[in-house]
């Protein structure tokens, strides 16, 4: 039974370990470009309503990307903790 579970879990752990750095890079690049575009929109806004709308959009984008980074880092840490737990767990 243990070998069956290892054959299921190991590919998932390997996939997560390989995808997290790639996802961090992609989210970082997209986040930077999106924030630059929203910053330009904020700077070019003439109407006070447009200015406020662009400001709220920029703040929401920054909060969203920070949240995504935190969740990806938590996934990486959680994968490491789970792998250590799985290696040291004694099955009855």
PDB file of N, CA and C in Angstrom:
ATOM      1  N   UNK A   1       0.816  -1.202   0.000  1.00  0.00           N
ATOM      2  CA  UNK A   1       0.000   0.000   0.000  1.00  0.00           C
ATOM      3  C   UNK A   1       0.858   1.264   0.000  1.00  0.00           C
ATOM      4  N   UNK A   2       1.959   1.231   0.749  1.00  0.00           N
ATOM      5  CA  UNK A   2       2.837   2.387   0.817  1.00  0.00           C
ATOM      6  C   UNK A   2       3.426   2.718  -0.548  1.00  0.00           C
ATOM      7  N   UNK A   3       3.787   1.702  -1.314  1.00  0.00           N
ATOM      8  CA  UNK A   3       4.332   1.948  -2.653  1.00  0.00           C
ATOM      9  C   UNK A   3       3.286   2.551  -3.570  1.00  0.00           C
ATOM     10  N   UNK A   4       2.023   2.128  -3.405  1.00  0.00           N
ATOM     11  CA  UNK A   4       0.950   2.705  -4.218  1.00  0.00           C
ATOM     12  C   UNK A   4       0.791   4.195  -3.918  1.00  0.00           C
ATOM     13  N   UNK A   5       0.826   4.544  -2.643  1.00  0.00           N
ATOM     14  CA  UNK A   5       0.693   5.953  -2.272  1.00  0.00           C
ATOM     15  C   UNK A   5       1.901   6.765  -2.734  1.00  0.00           C
ATOM     16  N   UNK A   6       3.088   6.197  -2.613  1.00  0.00           N
ATOM     17  CA  UNK A   6       4.285   6.903  -3.077  1.00  0.00           C
ATOM     18  C   UNK A   6       4.232   7.148  -4.579  1.00  0.00           C
ATOM     19  N   UNK A   7       3.720   6.186  -5.330  1.00  0.00           N
ATOM     20  CA  UNK A   7       3.644   6.366  -6.788  1.00  0.00           C
ATOM     21  C   UNK A   7       2.634   7.450  -7.162  1.00  0.00           C
ATOM     22  N   UNK A   8       1.679   7.723  -6.292  1.00  0.00           N
ATOM     23  CA  UNK A   8       0.702   8.787  -6.543  1.00  0.00           C
ATOM     24  C   UNK A   8       1.248  10.140  -6.090  1.00  0.00           C
ATOM     25  N   UNK A   9       1.845  10.171  -4.921  1.00  0.00           N
ATOM     26  CA  UNK A   9       2.272  11.435  -4.316  1.00  0.00           C
ATOM     27  C   UNK A   9       3.535  12.002  -4.958  1.00  0.00           C
ATOM     28  N   UNK A  10       4.487  11.161  -5.279  1.00  0.00           N
ATOM     29  CA  UNK A  10       5.778  11.649  -5.788  1.00  0.00           C
ATOM     30  C   UNK A  10       5.660  12.495  -7.059  1.00  0.00           C
ATOM     31  N   UNK A  11       4.861  12.080  -8.062  1.00  0.00           N
ATOM     32  CA  UNK A  11       4.727  12.954  -9.238  1.00  0.00           C
ATOM     33  C   UNK A  11       4.096  14.312  -8.922  1.00  0.00           C
ATOM     34  N   UNK A  12       3.157  14.325  -7.973  1.00  0.00           N
ATOM     35  CA  UNK A  12       2.511  15.583  -7.602  1.00  0.00           C
ATOM     36  C   UNK A  12       3.521  16.521  -6.934  1.00  0.00           C
ATOM     37  N   UNK A  13       4.323  15.986  -6.027  1.00  0.00           N
ATOM     38  CA  UNK A  13       5.338  16.784  -5.351  1.00  0.00           C
ATOM     39  C   UNK A  13       6.367  17.291  -6.356  1.00  0.00           C
ATOM     40  N   UNK A  14       6.776  16.444  -7.269  1.00  0.00           N
ATOM     41  CA  UNK A  14       7.750  16.845  -8.291  1.00  0.00           C
ATOM     42  C   UNK A  14       7.184  17.945  -9.179  1.00  0.00           C
ATOM     43  N   UNK A  15       5.937  17.796  -9.584  1.00  0.00           N
ATOM     44  CA  UNK A  15       5.298  18.810 -10.423  1.00  0.00           C
ATOM     45  C   UNK A  15       5.210  20.149  -9.703  1.00  0.00           C
ATOM     46  N   UNK A  16       4.786  20.127  -8.443  1.00  0.00           N
ATOM     47  CA  UNK A  16       4.698  21.373  -7.663  1.00  0.00           C
ATOM     48  C   UNK A  16       6.070  22.011  -7.502  1.00  0.00           C
ATOM     49  N   UNK A  17       7.079  21.219  -7.237  1.00  0.00           N
ATOM     50  CA  UNK A  17       8.429  21.751  -7.051  1.00  0.00           C
ATOM     51  C   UNK A  17       8.965  22.388  -8.327  1.00  0.00           C
ATOM     52  N   UNK A  18       8.586  21.837  -9.467  1.00  0.00           N
ATOM     53  CA  UNK A  18       9.058  22.390 -10.737  1.00  0.00           C
ATOM     54  C   UNK A  18       8.237  23.593 -11.186  1.00  0.00           C
ATOM     55  N   UNK A  19       6.957  23.625 -10.865  1.00  0.00           N
ATOM     56  CA  UNK A  19       6.093  24.697 -11.351  1.00  0.00           C
ATOM     57  C   UNK A  19       6.176  25.984 -10.536  1.00  0.00           C
ATOM     58  N   UNK A  20       6.445  25.882  -9.251  1.00  0.00           N
ATOM     59  CA  UNK A  20       6.429  27.081  -8.405  1.00  0.00           C
ATOM     60  C   UNK A  20       7.419  28.144  -8.880  1.00  0.00           C
ATOM     61  N   UNK A  21       8.692  27.821  -9.159  1.00  0.00           N
ATOM     62  CA  UNK A  21       9.598  28.880  -9.644  1.00  0.00           C
ATOM     63  C   UNK A  21       9.148  29.486 -10.980  1.00  0.00           C
ATOM     64  N   UNK A  22       8.604  28.656 -11.855  1.00  0.00           N
ATOM     65  CA  UNK A  22       8.122  29.155 -13.147  1.00  0.00           C
ATOM     66  C   UNK A  22       6.931  30.082 -12.930  1.00  0.00           C
ATOM     67  N   UNK A  23       6.011  29.668 -12.067  1.00  0.00           N
ATOM     68  CA  UNK A  23       4.836  30.503 -11.790  1.00  0.00           C
ATOM     69  C   UNK A  23       5.225  31.816 -11.120  1.00  0.00           C
ATOM     70  N   UNK A  24       6.206  31.770 -10.233  1.00  0.00           N
ATOM     71  CA  UNK A  24       6.675  33.011  -9.599  1.00  0.00           C
ATOM     72  C   UNK A  24       7.231  33.981 -10.641  1.00  0.00           C
ATOM     73  N   UNK A  25       7.992  33.457 -11.591  1.00  0.00           N
ATOM     74  CA  UNK A  25       8.554  34.307 -12.644  1.00  0.00           C
ATOM     75  C   UNK A  25       7.459  34.890 -13.532  1.00  0.00           C
ATOM     76  N   UNK A  26       6.500  34.070 -13.912  1.00  0.00           N
ATOM     77  CA  UNK A  26       5.409  34.534 -14.781  1.00  0.00           C
ATOM     78  C   UNK A  26       4.555  35.573 -14.059  1.00  0.00           C
ATOM     79  N   UNK A  27       4.186  35.286 -12.826  1.00  0.00           N
ATOM     80  CA  UNK A  27       3.368  36.232 -12.065  1.00  0.00           C
ATOM     81  C   UNK A  27       4.135  37.535 -11.842  1.00  0.00           C
ATOM     82  N   UNK A  28       5.426  37.441 -11.582  1.00  0.00           N
ATOM     83  CA  UNK A  28       6.233  38.643 -11.404  1.00  0.00           C
ATOM     84  C   UNK A  28       6.283  39.492 -12.660  1.00  0.00           C
ATOM     85  N   UNK A  29       6.477  38.839 -13.804  1.00  0.00           N
ATOM     86  CA  UNK A  29       6.555  39.576 -15.067  1.00  0.00           C
ATOM     87  C   UNK A  29       5.212  40.202 -15.432  1.00  0.00           C
ATOM     88  N   UNK A  30       4.158  39.413 -15.335  1.00  0.00           N
ATOM     89  CA  UNK A  30       2.826  39.934 -15.663  1.00  0.00           C
ATOM     90  C   UNK A  30       2.427  41.029 -14.677  1.00  0.00           C
ATOM     91  N   UNK A  31       2.739  40.822 -13.402  1.00  0.00           N
ATOM     92  CA  UNK A  31       2.426  41.826 -12.387  1.00  0.00           C
ATOM     93  C   UNK A  31       3.142  43.139 -12.630  1.00  0.00           C
ATOM     94  N   UNK A  32       4.412  43.048 -12.996  1.00  0.00           N
ATOM     95  CA  UNK A  32       5.178  44.270 -13.268  1.00  0.00           C
ATOM     96  C   UNK A  32       4.599  45.020 -14.470  1.00  0.00           C
ATOM     97  N   UNK A  33       4.309  44.290 -15.541  1.00  0.00           N
ATOM     98  CA  UNK A  33       3.743  44.941 -16.731  1.00  0.00           C
ATOM     99  C   UNK A  33       2.365  45.546 -16.439  1.00  0.00           C
ATOM    100  N   UNK A  34       1.534  44.799 -15.719  1.00  0.00           N
ATOM    101  CA  UNK A  34       0.195  45.290 -15.414  1.00  0.00           C
ATOM    102  C   UNK A  34       0.262  46.546 -14.540  1.00  0.00           C
ATOM    103  N   UNK A  35       1.153  46.532 -13.545  1.00  0.00           N
ATOM    104  CA  UNK A  35       1.287  47.702 -12.668  1.00  0.00           C
ATOM    105  C   UNK A  35       1.847  48.905 -13.428  1.00  0.00           C
ATOM    106  N   UNK A  36       2.741  48.672 -14.370  1.00  0.00           N
ATOM    107  CA  UNK A  36       3.262  49.761 -15.194  1.00  0.00           C
ATOM    108  C   UNK A  36       2.132  50.362 -16.038  1.00  0.00           C
ATOM    109  N   UNK A  37       1.334  49.498 -16.656  1.00  0.00           N
ATOM    110  CA  UNK A  37       0.211  49.994 -17.470  1.00  0.00           C
ATOM    111  C   UNK A  37      -0.796  50.766 -16.618  1.00  0.00           C
ATOM    112  N   UNK A  38      -1.106  50.246 -15.438  1.00  0.00           N
ATOM    113  CA  UNK A  38      -2.030  50.961 -14.562  1.00  0.00           C
ATOM    114  C   UNK A  38      -1.412  52.265 -14.044  1.00  0.00           C
ATOM    115  N   UNK A  39      -0.109  52.284 -13.828  1.00  0.00           N
ATOM    116  CA  UNK A  39       0.571  53.502 -13.407  1.00  0.00           C
ATOM    117  C   UNK A  39       0.529  54.570 -14.489  1.00  0.00           C
ATOM    118  N   UNK A  40       0.707  54.159 -15.730  1.00  0.00           N
ATOM    119  CA  UNK A  40       0.605  55.108 -16.846  1.00  0.00           C
ATOM    120  C   UNK A  40      -0.820  55.633 -16.951  1.00  0.00           C
ATOM    121  N   UNK A  41      -1.794  54.739 -16.801  1.00  0.00           N
ATOM    122  CA  UNK A  41      -3.200  55.160 -16.837  1.00  0.00           C
ATOM    123  C   UNK A  41      -3.484  56.144 -15.700  1.00  0.00           C
ATOM    124  N   UNK A  42      -2.914  55.895 -14.535  1.00  0.00           N
ATOM    125  CA  UNK A  42      -3.081  56.777 -13.378  1.00  0.00           C
ATOM    126  C   UNK A  42      -2.450  58.145 -13.656  1.00  0.00           C
ATOM    127  N   UNK A  43      -1.273  58.139 -14.261  1.00  0.00           N
ATOM    128  CA  UNK A  43      -0.576  59.395 -14.534  1.00  0.00           C
ATOM    129  C   UNK A  43      -1.272  60.215 -15.630  1.00  0.00           C
ATOM    130  N   UNK A  44      -1.916  59.536 -16.576  1.00  0.00           N
ATOM    131  CA  UNK A  44      -2.544  60.226 -17.692  1.00  0.00           C
ATOM    132  C   UNK A  44      -3.987  60.651 -17.403  1.00  0.00           C
ATOM    133  N   UNK A  45      -4.528  60.240 -16.281  1.00  0.00           N
ATOM    134  CA  UNK A  45      -5.928  60.543 -15.977  1.00  0.00           C
ATOM    135  C   UNK A  45      -6.108  62.043 -15.746  1.00  0.00           C
ATOM    136  N   UNK A  46      -7.057  62.620 -16.453  1.00  0.00           N
ATOM    137  CA  UNK A  46      -7.338  64.049 -16.332  1.00  0.00           C
ATOM    138  C   UNK A  46      -8.499  64.311 -15.380  1.00  0.00           C
ATOM    139  N   UNK A  47      -9.525  63.519 -15.521  1.00  0.00           N
ATOM    140  CA  UNK A  47     -10.734  63.673 -14.708  1.00  0.00           C
ATOM    141  C   UNK A  47     -10.488  63.100 -13.305  1.00  0.00           C
ATOM    142  N   UNK A  48     -10.950  63.769 -12.253  1.00  0.00           N
ATOM    143  CA  UNK A  48     -10.757  63.229 -10.894  1.00  0.00           C
ATOM    144  C   UNK A  48     -11.355  61.835 -10.704  1.00  0.00           C
ATOM    145  N   UNK A  49     -12.457  61.541 -11.385  1.00  0.00           N
ATOM    146  CA  UNK A  49     -13.054  60.216 -11.279  1.00  0.00           C
ATOM    147  C   UNK A  49     -12.159  59.160 -11.923  1.00  0.00           C
ATOM    148  N   UNK A  50     -11.604  59.476 -13.079  1.00  0.00           N
ATOM    149  CA  UNK A  50     -10.673  58.556 -13.743  1.00  0.00           C
ATOM    150  C   UNK A  50      -9.429  58.351 -12.889  1.00  0.00           C
ATOM    151  N   UNK A  51      -8.962  59.432 -12.292  1.00  0.00           N
ATOM    152  CA  UNK A  51      -7.782  59.390 -11.439  1.00  0.00           C
ATOM    153  C   UNK A  51      -8.022  58.452 -10.251  1.00  0.00           C
ATOM    154  N   UNK A  52      -9.170  58.590  -9.610  1.00  0.00           N
ATOM    155  CA  UNK A  52      -9.509  57.743  -8.453  1.00  0.00           C
ATOM    156  C   UNK A  52      -9.708  56.293  -8.876  1.00  0.00           C
ATOM    157  N   UNK A  53     -10.350  56.091 -10.017  1.00  0.00           N
ATOM    158  CA  UNK A  53     -10.570  54.738 -10.523  1.00  0.00           C
ATOM    159  C   UNK A  53      -9.244  54.056 -10.846  1.00  0.00           C
ATOM    160  N   UNK A  54      -8.330  54.777 -11.475  1.00  0.00           N
ATOM    161  CA  UNK A  54      -7.016  54.221 -11.795  1.00  0.00           C
ATOM    162  C   UNK A  54      -6.221  53.929 -10.521  1.00  0.00           C
ATOM    163  N   UNK A  55      -6.350  54.791  -9.534  1.00  0.00           N
ATOM    164  CA  UNK A  55      -5.650  54.597  -8.257  1.00  0.00           C
ATOM    165  C   UNK A  55      -6.154  53.331  -7.568  1.00  0.00           C
ATOM    166  N   UNK A  56      -7.463  53.137  -7.531  1.00  0.00           N
ATOM    167  CA  UNK A  56      -8.036  51.942  -6.918  1.00  0.00           C
ATOM    168  C   UNK A  56      -7.625  50.685  -7.686  1.00  0.00           C
ATOM    169  N   UNK A  57      -7.600  50.768  -9.002  1.00  0.00           N
ATOM    170  CA  UNK A  57      -7.171  49.633  -9.823  1.00  0.00           C
ATOM    171  C   UNK A  57      -5.725  49.263  -9.559  1.00  0.00           C
ATOM    172  N   UNK A  58      -4.867  50.266  -9.417  1.00  0.00           N
ATOM    173  CA  UNK A  58      -3.452  50.029  -9.140  1.00  0.00           C
ATOM    174  C   UNK A  58      -3.269  49.392  -7.766  1.00  0.00           C
ATOM    175  N   UNK A  59      -3.984  49.888  -6.779  1.00  0.00           N
ATOM    176  CA  UNK A  59      -3.885  49.318  -5.430  1.00  0.00           C
ATOM    177  C   UNK A  59      -4.398  47.876  -5.427  1.00  0.00           C
ATOM    178  N   UNK A  60      -5.515  47.624  -6.102  1.00  0.00           N
ATOM    179  CA  UNK A  60      -6.054  46.267  -6.171  1.00  0.00           C
ATOM    180  C   UNK A  60      -5.094  45.314  -6.882  1.00  0.00           C
ATOM    181  N   UNK A  61      -4.459  45.782  -7.939  1.00  0.00           N
ATOM    182  CA  UNK A  61      -3.505  44.937  -8.661  1.00  0.00           C
ATOM    183  C   UNK A  61      -2.308  44.594  -7.777  1.00  0.00           C
ATOM    184  N   UNK A  62      -1.791  45.565  -7.066  1.00  0.00           N
ATOM    185  CA  UNK A  62      -0.641  45.319  -6.190  1.00  0.00           C
ATOM    186  C   UNK A  62      -1.015  44.331  -5.089  1.00  0.00           C
ATOM    187  N   UNK A  63      -2.169  44.522  -4.474  1.00  0.00           N
ATOM    188  CA  UNK A  63      -2.611  43.602  -3.414  1.00  0.00           C
ATOM    189  C   UNK A  63      -2.812  42.197  -3.984  1.00  0.00           C
ATOM    190  N   UNK A  64      -3.395  42.100  -5.149  1.00  0.00           N
ATOM    191  CA  UNK A  64      -3.616  40.795  -5.776  1.00  0.00           C
ATOM    192  C   UNK A  64      -2.325  40.064  -6.083  1.00  0.00           C
ATOM    193  N   UNK A  65      -1.351  40.776  -6.641  1.00  0.00           N
ATOM    194  CA  UNK A  65      -0.089  40.128  -6.974  1.00  0.00           C
ATOM    195  C   UNK A  65       0.700  39.756  -5.731  1.00  0.00           C
ATOM    196  N   UNK A  66       0.638  40.564  -4.699  1.00  0.00           N
ATOM    197  CA  UNK A  66       1.300  40.203  -3.438  1.00  0.00           C
ATOM    198  C   UNK A  66       0.647  38.947  -2.861  1.00  0.00           C
ATOM    199  N   UNK A  67      -0.660  38.867  -2.930  1.00  0.00           N
ATOM    200  CA  UNK A  67      -1.370  37.696  -2.434  1.00  0.00           C
ATOM    201  C   UNK A  67      -0.975  36.440  -3.222  1.00  0.00           C
ATOM    202  N   UNK A  68      -0.879  36.557  -4.529  1.00  0.00           N
ATOM    203  CA  UNK A  68      -0.467  35.419  -5.349  1.00  0.00           C
ATOM    204  C   UNK A  68       0.943  34.984  -4.980  1.00  0.00           C
ATOM    205  N   UNK A  69       1.870  35.931  -4.796  1.00  0.00           N
ATOM    206  CA  UNK A  69       3.230  35.588  -4.393  1.00  0.00           C
ATOM    207  C   UNK A  69       3.229  34.851  -3.057  1.00  0.00           C
ATOM    208  N   UNK A  70       2.486  35.356  -2.104  1.00  0.00           N
ATOM    209  CA  UNK A  70       2.440  34.729  -0.775  1.00  0.00           C
ATOM    210  C   UNK A  70       1.891  33.308  -0.881  1.00  0.00           C
ATOM    211  N   UNK A  71       0.837  33.117  -1.654  1.00  0.00           N
ATOM    212  CA  UNK A  71       0.257  31.789  -1.795  1.00  0.00           C
ATOM    213  C   UNK A  71       1.213  30.820  -2.486  1.00  0.00           C
ATOM    214  N   UNK A  72       1.940  31.284  -3.496  1.00  0.00           N
ATOM    215  CA  UNK A  72       2.908  30.406  -4.156  1.00  0.00           C
ATOM    216  C   UNK A  72       4.059  30.045  -3.220  1.00  0.00           C
ATOM    217  N   UNK A  73       4.504  30.984  -2.422  1.00  0.00           N
ATOM    218  CA  UNK A  73       5.569  30.694  -1.462  1.00  0.00           C
ATOM    219  C   UNK A  73       5.058  29.737  -0.388  1.00  0.00           C
ATOM    220  N   UNK A  74       3.812  29.916   0.042  1.00  0.00           N
ATOM    221  CA  UNK A  74       3.234  28.985   1.005  1.00  0.00           C
ATOM    222  C   UNK A  74       3.113  27.588   0.408  1.00  0.00           C
ATOM    223  N   UNK A  75       2.793  27.491  -0.879  1.00  0.00           N
ATOM    224  CA  UNK A  75       2.736  26.190  -1.553  1.00  0.00           C
ATOM    225  C   UNK A  75       4.099  25.529  -1.540  1.00  0.00           C
ATOM    226  N   UNK A  76       5.137  26.298  -1.820  1.00  0.00           N
ATOM    227  CA  UNK A  76       6.494  25.748  -1.816  1.00  0.00           C
ATOM    228  C   UNK A  76       6.875  25.267  -0.418  1.00  0.00           C
ATOM    229  N   UNK A  77       6.597  26.059   0.594  1.00  0.00           N
ATOM    230  CA  UNK A  77       6.910  25.672   1.972  1.00  0.00           C
ATOM    231  C   UNK A  77       6.054  24.470   2.383  1.00  0.00           C
ATOM    232  N   UNK A  78       4.785  24.487   2.045  1.00  0.00           N
ATOM    233  CA  UNK A  78       3.896  23.382   2.383  1.00  0.00           C
ATOM    234  C   UNK A  78       4.318  22.084   1.721  1.00  0.00           C
ATOM    235  N   UNK A  79       4.792  22.166   0.478  1.00  0.00           N
ATOM    236  CA  UNK A  79       5.275  20.981  -0.212  1.00  0.00           C
ATOM    237  C   UNK A  79       6.481  20.394   0.509  1.00  0.00           C
ATOM    238  N   UNK A  80       7.377  21.252   0.952  1.00  0.00           N
ATOM    239  CA  UNK A  80       8.559  20.788   1.680  1.00  0.00           C
ATOM    240  C   UNK A  80       8.152  20.141   3.004  1.00  0.00           C
ATOM    241  N   UNK A  81       7.266  20.783   3.732  1.00  0.00           N
ATOM    242  CA  UNK A  81       6.804  20.232   5.015  1.00  0.00           C
ATOM    243  C   UNK A  81       6.092  18.906   4.803  1.00  0.00           C
ATOM    244  N   UNK A  82       5.231  18.830   3.797  1.00  0.00           N
ATOM    245  CA  UNK A  82       4.510  17.596   3.524  1.00  0.00           C
ATOM    246  C   UNK A  82       5.472  16.481   3.136  1.00  0.00           C
ATOM    247  N   UNK A  83       6.470  16.779   2.330  1.00  0.00           N
ATOM    248  CA  UNK A  83       7.438  15.769   1.922  1.00  0.00           C
ATOM    249  C   UNK A  83       8.205  15.224   3.121  1.00  0.00           C
ATOM    250  N   UNK A  84       8.623  16.107   4.016  1.00  0.00           N
ATOM    251  CA  UNK A  84       9.326  15.655   5.217  1.00  0.00           C
ATOM    252  C   UNK A  84       8.408  14.829   6.105  1.00  0.00           C
ATOM    253  N   UNK A  85       7.163  15.261   6.262  1.00  0.00           N
ATOM    254  CA  UNK A  85       6.218  14.508   7.069  1.00  0.00           C
ATOM    255  C   UNK A  85       5.981  13.132   6.474  1.00  0.00           C
ATOM    256  N   UNK A  86       5.796  13.076   5.166  1.00  0.00           N
ATOM    257  CA  UNK A  86       5.524  11.814   4.491  1.00  0.00           C
ATOM    258  C   UNK A  86       6.705  10.861   4.632  1.00  0.00           C
ATOM    259  N   UNK A  87       7.923  11.369   4.551  1.00  0.00           N
ATOM    260  CA  UNK A  87       9.107  10.519   4.668  1.00  0.00           C
ATOM    261  C   UNK A  87       9.271   9.963   6.080  1.00  0.00           C
ATOM    262  N   UNK A  88       8.844  10.706   7.076  1.00  0.00           N
ATOM    263  CA  UNK A  88       9.037  10.288   8.471  1.00  0.00           C
ATOM    264  C   UNK A  88       7.814   9.625   9.092  1.00  0.00           C
ATOM    265  N   UNK A  89       6.709   9.558   8.370  1.00  0.00           N
ATOM    266  CA  UNK A  89       5.479   8.986   8.919  1.00  0.00           C
ATOM    267  C   UNK A  89       5.596   7.466   8.943  1.00  0.00           C
ATOM    268  N   UNK A  90       5.181   6.866  10.036  1.00  0.00           N
ATOM    269  CA  UNK A  90       5.203   5.404  10.149  1.00  0.00           C
ATOM    270  C   UNK A  90       3.793   4.869   9.939  1.00  0.00           C
ATOM    271  N   UNK A  91       3.656   4.068   8.915  1.00  0.00           N
ATOM    272  CA  UNK A  91       2.358   3.484   8.609  1.00  0.00           C
ATOM    273  C   UNK A  91       2.177   2.215   9.434  1.00  0.00           C
ATOM    274  N   UNK A  92       0.987   2.030   9.932  1.00  0.00           N
ATOM    275  CA  UNK A  92       0.700   0.852  10.756  1.00  0.00           C
ATOM    276  C   UNK A  92       0.263  -0.288   9.876  1.00  0.00           C
TER     277      UNK A  92
END
